[in-house]
Amino acid sequence: METIWIIGSGKFGLRAAKGMTDQGKAQKITLVDQDKAALDRAKGFGCEIVAADGIDFLTRHLKANTGPDWIVPAVPVHLAWEWCLNVCTELERIKVPHGLDRQLPNFMEGENGDVYASHADFICPPNCSEPDANCTVTGLPRKQPMHELFKELSFETFSSLIIKSHQLGPGVGGYKPESLFTLKNDLKQARGAVLVGTACKCHGVISAGIVRF
């Protein structure tokens, strides 16, 4: 049976939980959020419900040899980055460098100093199937996948470490725990300034840090 942790029970987390359970597959879905009212809206979905801070839950329960098959980030922060900050004592958050916006489409700054990029200048439909050839809205050929664009970023002395988000269902993306542990190991090998990103084909988020030893 495939196990899935959905971290966050807001609009996107609830949509992911309902969509994944509606697929009818043999899955065990755990929905995590510190807002009990938000979790109440998931009653009837058939999910295991955990009232806890999502980042803290991931930090405490995710181990290299145990854990889910997939993690679905559905919190308004860069989940992979926040996990890295908790498990990598050598890592320190810094502001994403000025000028990176010139290399990214539809650049937007987040509240925590993270930055977001998207190939879309419109709101994507919730049931997008992320086809390979053409955008489901415009019908135009897709541009370079965002996760590839992130990997090729060349900015000053920053190195780029990227997690690719895979589509698990219409409008639902996630990654395997192995991706997080690979990122952790890559950070331990890094020196100096790093850009850490998570991206699917169309959208992504980037955080910046300094690795100190």
Foldseek 3Di string as FASTA:
>chain_A
DAEEEEEDLPPLSLVVLQQVLVVVDPYAYEYEELDVVSVVVNPPSNYHYYNDHRLVCCLVPDDPVDDGFWYFYDDLDDNLVSNLVVPAVQKDFDADDPPVVVLAAPWDADPVNKIKGFPDPDDADQQFPPDQAAGPPPRHGADAFPQVSQCPDDDDPEHEQEAEWDDPGGNTTIHGVVSSVVSNVVLVVDAFKYWYKYGYRTMIMITIIGGHD
